[in-house]
Amino acid sequence: MPKALPNKLRAATLAVIVAAILTAPVAHTQNPPSRSSAQYQSRLTTEVRHQLVMIPWLSLFDNLQYRVDGNNVTLSGQVTDPVIKDEAEKAVKGIEGVGSITNNIEVLPLSPMDNQIRRAEYRAIYSFPSLEKYSTMAIPQIHIVVKNGHVTLEGAVLNQGDKEAAEIRAKTVPNVFSVTDDLKIENSRSPNSGQ
């Protein structure tokens, strides 16, 4: 009687292992979506965005954009540090299924005056009561790009009122030559591109 129990246990364990081995290939034989399908394009777009927002040095003073066309990715935008440009390309290269990468990211010139404007714009925009909610988000929604005293607001806001408030607040900062408001209203972005 005592020997029968270990044999039953061995038989049950063996049955479970055999069942797992026989069903494992069935789960993996599904064909992956073709590279031209909308599902594949959507997965690739989502993964590119995820990899770009995970770059540790990325800040609200940087504006990374991308476009996915099939398995080709085009990176664009402006960054304050050349390391971010290189890291963005490396991050996207590591994504399975990416064919080619075109890196059109512009590295903004070093300028103490532009750095001062960036700080002033941040305070002007993010301290305004109706825009404070954007300062607590994990991923900054309003990007402040400053190049040679010219300010461009990029990203997405929830409504037209926030868009207008951000532009008005940006125009109150001294030593700014111009303000361009390229903010989009949430959910009005193209599905194959992003920020």
C-alpha atoms as a PDB file:
ATOM      1  CA  MET A   1       0.000   0.000   0.000  1.00  0.00           C
ATOM      2  CA  PRO A   2       2.709   2.581   0.812  1.00  0.00           C
ATOM      3  CA  LYS A   3       4.399   1.965  -2.579  1.00  0.00           C
ATOM      4  CA  ALA A   4       1.154   2.558  -4.501  1.00  0.00           C
ATOM      5  CA  LEU A   5       0.864   6.186  -3.384  1.00  0.00           C
ATOM      6  CA  PRO A   6       4.240   7.322  -4.838  1.00  0.00           C
ATOM      7  CA  ASN A   7       3.441   5.514  -8.102  1.00  0.00           C
ATOM      8  CA  LYS A   8       0.066   7.276  -8.351  1.00  0.00           C
ATOM      9  CA  LEU A   9       1.782  10.591  -7.598  1.00  0.00           C
ATOM     10  CA  ARG A  10       4.409   9.931 -10.272  1.00  0.00           C
ATOM     11  CA  ALA A  11       1.736   8.995 -12.788  1.00  0.00           C
ATOM     12  CA  ALA A  12      -0.277  12.140 -12.048  1.00  0.00           C
ATOM     13  CA  THR A  13       2.834  14.349 -12.304  1.00  0.00           C
ATOM     14  CA  LEU A  14       3.827  12.700 -15.570  1.00  0.00           C
ATOM     15  CA  ALA A  15       0.305  13.203 -16.955  1.00  0.00           C
ATOM     16  CA  VAL A  16       0.437  16.930 -16.102  1.00  0.00           C
ATOM     17  CA  ILE A  17       3.868  17.326 -17.722  1.00  0.00           C
ATOM     18  CA  VAL A  18       2.797  15.494 -20.880  1.00  0.00           C
ATOM     19  CA  ALA A  19      -0.372  17.610 -21.116  1.00  0.00           C
ATOM     20  CA  ALA A  20       1.660  20.799 -20.726  1.00  0.00           C
ATOM     21  CA  ILE A  21       4.127  19.739 -23.412  1.00  0.00           C
ATOM     22  CA  LEU A  22       1.385  18.757 -25.854  1.00  0.00           C
ATOM     23  CA  THR A  23      -0.654  21.939 -25.419  1.00  0.00           C
ATOM     24  CA  ALA A  24       2.281  24.409 -25.375  1.00  0.00           C
ATOM     25  CA  PRO A  25       2.952  24.323 -29.147  1.00  0.00           C
ATOM     26  CA  VAL A  26      -0.751  24.831 -29.870  1.00  0.00           C
ATOM     27  CA  ALA A  27      -0.714  28.138 -28.010  1.00  0.00           C
ATOM     28  CA  HIS A  28       2.264  29.395 -30.011  1.00  0.00           C
ATOM     29  CA  THR A  29       1.195  28.281 -33.493  1.00  0.00           C
ATOM     30  CA  GLN A  30      -1.071  31.270 -34.035  1.00  0.00           C
ATOM     31  CA  ASN A  31       0.237  33.386 -36.870  1.00  0.00           C
ATOM     32  CA  PRO A  32       1.479  36.828 -35.823  1.00  0.00           C
ATOM     33  CA  PRO A  33      -0.263  39.723 -37.564  1.00  0.00           C
ATOM     34  CA  SER A  34       1.196  40.586 -40.969  1.00  0.00           C
ATOM     35  CA  ARG A  35       3.410  43.661 -41.128  1.00  0.00           C
ATOM     36  CA  SER A  36       0.874  45.455 -43.295  1.00  0.00           C
ATOM     37  CA  SER A  37      -2.084  44.879 -40.969  1.00  0.00           C
ATOM     38  CA  ALA A  38      -3.644  47.599 -38.834  1.00  0.00           C
ATOM     39  CA  GLN A  39      -3.165  45.435 -35.722  1.00  0.00           C
ATOM     40  CA  TYR A  40       0.594  45.192 -36.362  1.00  0.00           C
ATOM     41  CA  GLN A  41       0.818  48.929 -37.059  1.00  0.00           C
ATOM     42  CA  SER A  42      -1.062  49.702 -33.841  1.00  0.00           C
ATOM     43  CA  ARG A  43       1.159  47.395 -31.757  1.00  0.00           C
ATOM     44  CA  LEU A  44       4.314  48.917 -33.224  1.00  0.00           C
ATOM     45  CA  THR A  45       3.051  52.485 -32.673  1.00  0.00           C
ATOM     46  CA  THR A  46       2.195  51.700 -29.050  1.00  0.00           C
ATOM     47  CA  GLU A  47       5.600  50.117 -28.434  1.00  0.00           C
ATOM     48  CA  VAL A  48       7.480  53.044 -30.032  1.00  0.00           C
ATOM     49  CA  ARG A  49       5.621  55.518 -27.821  1.00  0.00           C
ATOM     50  CA  HIS A  50       6.278  53.411 -24.738  1.00  0.00           C
ATOM     51  CA  GLN A  51      10.007  53.168 -25.444  1.00  0.00           C
ATOM     52  CA  LEU A  52      10.314  56.917 -26.080  1.00  0.00           C
ATOM     53  CA  VAL A  53       8.524  58.006 -22.901  1.00  0.00           C
ATOM     54  CA  MET A  54      10.723  55.636 -20.887  1.00  0.00           C
ATOM     55  CA  ILE A  55      13.906  57.571 -21.776  1.00  0.00           C
ATOM     56  CA  PRO A  56      15.111  58.708 -18.349  1.00  0.00           C
ATOM     57  CA  TRP A  57      16.403  62.164 -19.338  1.00  0.00           C
ATOM     58  CA  LEU A  58      13.297  63.168 -21.273  1.00  0.00           C
ATOM     59  CA  SER A  59      11.667  66.283 -19.817  1.00  0.00           C
ATOM     60  CA  LEU A  60       8.866  68.687 -20.632  1.00  0.00           C
ATOM     61  CA  PHE A  61      11.474  70.883 -22.362  1.00  0.00           C
ATOM     62  CA  ASP A  62      11.958  68.139 -24.964  1.00  0.00           C
ATOM     63  CA  ASN A  63       9.528  67.296 -27.722  1.00  0.00           C
ATOM     64  CA  LEU A  64       9.879  63.815 -29.193  1.00  0.00           C
ATOM     65  CA  GLN A  65       7.604  62.914 -32.058  1.00  0.00           C
ATOM     66  CA  TYR A  66       7.453  59.806 -34.201  1.00  0.00           C
ATOM     67  CA  ARG A  67       5.742  58.411 -37.241  1.00  0.00           C
ATOM     68  CA  VAL A  68       5.297  54.710 -37.947  1.00  0.00           C
ATOM     69  CA  ASP A  69       4.874  53.702 -41.575  1.00  0.00           C
ATOM     70  CA  GLY A  70       4.786  49.923 -41.920  1.00  0.00           C
ATOM     71  CA  ASN A  71       7.916  48.823 -40.081  1.00  0.00           C
ATOM     72  CA  ASN A  72       9.748  52.118 -40.685  1.00  0.00           C
ATOM     73  CA  VAL A  73       9.941  54.680 -37.889  1.00  0.00           C
ATOM     74  CA  THR A  74      10.728  58.363 -38.336  1.00  0.00           C
ATOM     75  CA  LEU A  75      11.783  60.268 -35.229  1.00  0.00           C
ATOM     76  CA  SER A  76      11.484  64.049 -35.108  1.00  0.00           C
ATOM     77  CA  GLY A  77      11.133  66.893 -32.653  1.00  0.00           C
ATOM     78  CA  GLN A  78      13.544  68.874 -30.519  1.00  0.00           C
ATOM     79  CA  VAL A  79      15.630  67.919 -27.486  1.00  0.00           C
ATOM     80  CA  THR A  80      17.842  69.899 -25.120  1.00  0.00           C
ATOM     81  CA  ASP A  81      20.473  67.166 -24.769  1.00  0.00           C
ATOM     82  CA  PRO A  82      22.163  65.175 -27.581  1.00  0.00           C
ATOM     83  CA  VAL A  83      22.102  62.060 -25.365  1.00  0.00           C
ATOM     84  CA  ILE A  84      18.298  62.001 -25.684  1.00  0.00           C
ATOM     85  CA  LYS A  85      18.554  61.951 -29.487  1.00  0.00           C
ATOM     86  CA  ASP A  86      20.890  58.946 -29.347  1.00  0.00           C
ATOM     87  CA  GLU A  87      18.843  57.175 -26.665  1.00  0.00           C
ATOM     88  CA  ALA A  88      15.634  57.608 -28.687  1.00  0.00           C
ATOM     89  CA  GLU A  89      17.190  55.910 -31.689  1.00  0.00           C
ATOM     90  CA  LYS A  90      18.639  53.096 -29.549  1.00  0.00           C
ATOM     91  CA  ALA A  91      15.301  52.546 -27.802  1.00  0.00           C
ATOM     92  CA  VAL A  92      13.398  52.253 -31.080  1.00  0.00           C
ATOM     93  CA  LYS A  93      16.089  50.025 -32.644  1.00  0.00           C
ATOM     94  CA  GLY A  94      15.496  47.517 -29.844  1.00  0.00           C
ATOM     95  CA  ILE A  95      11.836  47.017 -30.759  1.00  0.00           C
ATOM     96  CA  GLU A  96      11.124  43.739 -32.512  1.00  0.00           C
ATOM     97  CA  GLY A  97       9.743  44.336 -35.989  1.00  0.00           C
ATOM     98  CA  VAL A  98      11.235  47.780 -36.614  1.00  0.00           C
ATOM     99  CA  GLY A  99      12.883  47.860 -40.032  1.00  0.00           C
ATOM    100  CA  SER A 100      14.513  51.221 -40.533  1.00  0.00           C
ATOM    101  CA  ILE A 101      14.796  54.336 -38.404  1.00  0.00           C
ATOM    102  CA  THR A 102      15.147  57.885 -39.670  1.00  0.00           C
ATOM    103  CA  ASN A 103      16.356  60.144 -36.874  1.00  0.00           C
ATOM    104  CA  ASN A 104      15.408  63.762 -37.636  1.00  0.00           C
ATOM    105  CA  ILE A 105      15.515  64.906 -34.006  1.00  0.00           C
ATOM    106  CA  GLU A 106      16.968  68.400 -33.649  1.00  0.00           C
ATOM    107  CA  VAL A 107      19.312  69.117 -30.740  1.00  0.00           C
ATOM    108  CA  LEU A 108      18.567  72.633 -29.475  1.00  0.00           C
ATOM    109  CA  PRO A 109      21.537  75.001 -29.081  1.00  0.00           C
ATOM    110  CA  LEU A 110      22.969  75.629 -25.631  1.00  0.00           C
ATOM    111  CA  SER A 111      21.840  79.024 -24.383  1.00  0.00           C
ATOM    112  CA  PRO A 112      21.681  80.424 -20.854  1.00  0.00           C
ATOM    113  CA  MET A 113      18.968  82.822 -22.024  1.00  0.00           C
ATOM    114  CA  ASP A 114      16.872  79.962 -23.413  1.00  0.00           C
ATOM    115  CA  ASN A 115      17.302  78.069 -20.122  1.00  0.00           C
ATOM    116  CA  GLN A 116      16.048  81.121 -18.247  1.00  0.00           C
ATOM    117  CA  ILE A 117      13.048  81.374 -20.582  1.00  0.00           C
ATOM    118  CA  ARG A 118      12.293  77.654 -20.104  1.00  0.00           C
ATOM    119  CA  ARG A 119      12.145  78.067 -16.327  1.00  0.00           C
ATOM    120  CA  ALA A 120       9.995  81.201 -16.598  1.00  0.00           C
ATOM    121  CA  GLU A 121       7.616  79.522 -19.061  1.00  0.00           C
ATOM    122  CA  TYR A 122       7.297  76.508 -16.772  1.00  0.00           C
ATOM    123  CA  ARG A 123       6.353  78.728 -13.830  1.00  0.00           C
ATOM    124  CA  ALA A 124       3.956  80.835 -15.920  1.00  0.00           C
ATOM    125  CA  ILE A 125       2.117  77.860 -17.433  1.00  0.00           C
ATOM    126  CA  TYR A 126       2.131  75.203 -14.739  1.00  0.00           C
ATOM    127  CA  SER A 127       1.353  77.548 -11.827  1.00  0.00           C
ATOM    128  CA  PHE A 128      -1.823  78.839 -13.488  1.00  0.00           C
ATOM    129  CA  PRO A 129      -4.822  77.313 -11.620  1.00  0.00           C
ATOM    130  CA  SER A 130      -6.564  75.733 -14.620  1.00  0.00           C
ATOM    131  CA  LEU A 131      -3.251  74.244 -15.864  1.00  0.00           C
ATOM    132  CA  GLU A 132      -1.890  72.916 -12.557  1.00  0.00           C
ATOM    133  CA  LYS A 133      -3.420  69.501 -13.241  1.00  0.00           C
ATOM    134  CA  TYR A 134      -0.880  69.006 -16.050  1.00  0.00           C
ATOM    135  CA  SER A 135       2.054  69.435 -13.659  1.00  0.00           C
ATOM    136  CA  THR A 136       1.150  66.318 -11.668  1.00  0.00           C
ATOM    137  CA  MET A 137       0.917  63.926 -14.611  1.00  0.00           C
ATOM    138  CA  ALA A 138       3.590  61.235 -14.909  1.00  0.00           C
ATOM    139  CA  ILE A 139       4.177  62.129 -18.554  1.00  0.00           C
ATOM    140  CA  PRO A 140       4.162  65.892 -19.186  1.00  0.00           C
ATOM    141  CA  GLN A 141       1.380  66.871 -21.559  1.00  0.00           C
ATOM    142  CA  ILE A 142       2.525  70.406 -22.353  1.00  0.00           C
ATOM    143  CA  HIS A 143       6.053  70.550 -23.763  1.00  0.00           C
ATOM    144  CA  ILE A 144       7.865  73.888 -23.788  1.00  0.00           C
ATOM    145  CA  VAL A 145      10.378  74.093 -26.630  1.00  0.00           C
ATOM    146  CA  VAL A 146      12.621  77.167 -26.602  1.00  0.00           C
ATOM    147  CA  LYS A 147      15.016  77.933 -29.443  1.00  0.00           C
ATOM    148  CA  ASN A 148      16.858  81.248 -29.601  1.00  0.00           C
ATOM    149  CA  GLY A 149      14.142  83.052 -27.638  1.00  0.00           C
ATOM    150  CA  HIS A 150      11.253  81.588 -29.664  1.00  0.00           C
ATOM    151  CA  VAL A 151       8.801  79.402 -27.735  1.00  0.00           C
ATOM    152  CA  THR A 152       6.708  76.575 -29.152  1.00  0.00           C
ATOM    153  CA  LEU A 153       4.109  74.758 -27.065  1.00  0.00           C
ATOM    154  CA  GLU A 154       3.724  71.106 -28.094  1.00  0.00           C
ATOM    155  CA  GLY A 155       1.675  68.227 -26.745  1.00  0.00           C
ATOM    156  CA  ALA A 156      -1.952  67.757 -25.871  1.00  0.00           C
ATOM    157  CA  VAL A 157      -4.431  69.343 -23.480  1.00  0.00           C
ATOM    158  CA  LEU A 158      -7.930  68.295 -22.477  1.00  0.00           C
ATOM    159  CA  ASN A 159      -9.905  71.191 -23.958  1.00  0.00           C
ATOM    160  CA  GLN A 160      -9.808  74.438 -25.927  1.00  0.00           C
ATOM    161  CA  GLY A 161      -9.844  76.553 -22.754  1.00  0.00           C
ATOM    162  CA  ASP A 162      -6.614  74.953 -21.504  1.00  0.00           C
ATOM    163  CA  LYS A 163      -5.024  75.418 -24.938  1.00  0.00           C
ATOM    164  CA  GLU A 164      -5.822  79.119 -24.931  1.00  0.00           C
ATOM    165  CA  ALA A 165      -4.772  79.569 -21.288  1.00  0.00           C
ATOM    166  CA  ALA A 166      -1.372  77.970 -21.962  1.00  0.00           C
ATOM    167  CA  GLU A 167      -0.756  80.261 -24.933  1.00  0.00           C
ATOM    168  CA  ILE A 168      -1.809  83.380 -23.013  1.00  0.00           C
ATOM    169  CA  ARG A 169       0.399  82.433 -20.058  1.00  0.00           C
ATOM    170  CA  ALA A 170       3.359  81.703 -22.366  1.00  0.00           C
ATOM    171  CA  LYS A 171       3.049  85.168 -23.893  1.00  0.00           C
ATOM    172  CA  THR A 172       3.414  86.832 -20.469  1.00  0.00           C
ATOM    173  CA  VAL A 173       7.067  85.765 -20.087  1.00  0.00           C
ATOM    174  CA  PRO A 174       9.584  88.547 -20.795  1.00  0.00           C
ATOM    175  CA  ASN A 175      12.457  88.231 -23.326  1.00  0.00           C
ATOM    176  CA  VAL A 176      10.440  85.938 -25.594  1.00  0.00           C
ATOM    177  CA  PHE A 177      10.432  86.868 -29.280  1.00  0.00           C
ATOM    178  CA  SER A 178       7.446  84.729 -30.291  1.00  0.00           C
ATOM    179  CA  VAL A 179       5.095  82.012 -29.025  1.00  0.00           C
ATOM    180  CA  THR A 180       3.727  79.322 -31.339  1.00  0.00           C
ATOM    181  CA  ASP A 181       0.876  77.251 -29.947  1.00  0.00           C
ATOM    182  CA  ASP A 182       0.979  73.771 -31.504  1.00  0.00           C
ATOM    183  CA  LEU A 183      -0.985  72.159 -28.657  1.00  0.00           C
ATOM    184  CA  LYS A 184      -3.601  69.635 -29.735  1.00  0.00           C
ATOM    185  CA  ILE A 185      -6.883  68.862 -28.039  1.00  0.00           C
ATOM    186  CA  GLU A 186      -6.743  65.351 -26.498  1.00  0.00           C
ATOM    187  CA  ASN A 187      -7.851  62.532 -28.842  1.00  0.00           C
ATOM    188  CA  SER A 188      -7.405  64.654 -31.965  1.00  0.00           C
ATOM    189  CA  ARG A 189      -3.955  63.190 -32.766  1.00  0.00           C
ATOM    190  CA  SER A 190      -3.276  60.976 -35.751  1.00  0.00           C
ATOM    191  CA  PRO A 191      -3.255  57.263 -34.788  1.00  0.00           C
ATOM    192  CA  ASN A 192       0.125  56.561 -36.462  1.00  0.00           C
ATOM    193  CA  SER A 193       2.074  59.447 -34.992  1.00  0.00           C
ATOM    194  CA  GLY A 194       2.662  60.762 -31.545  1.00  0.00           C
ATOM    195  CA  GLN A 195       4.458  62.903 -29.066  1.00  0.00           C
END
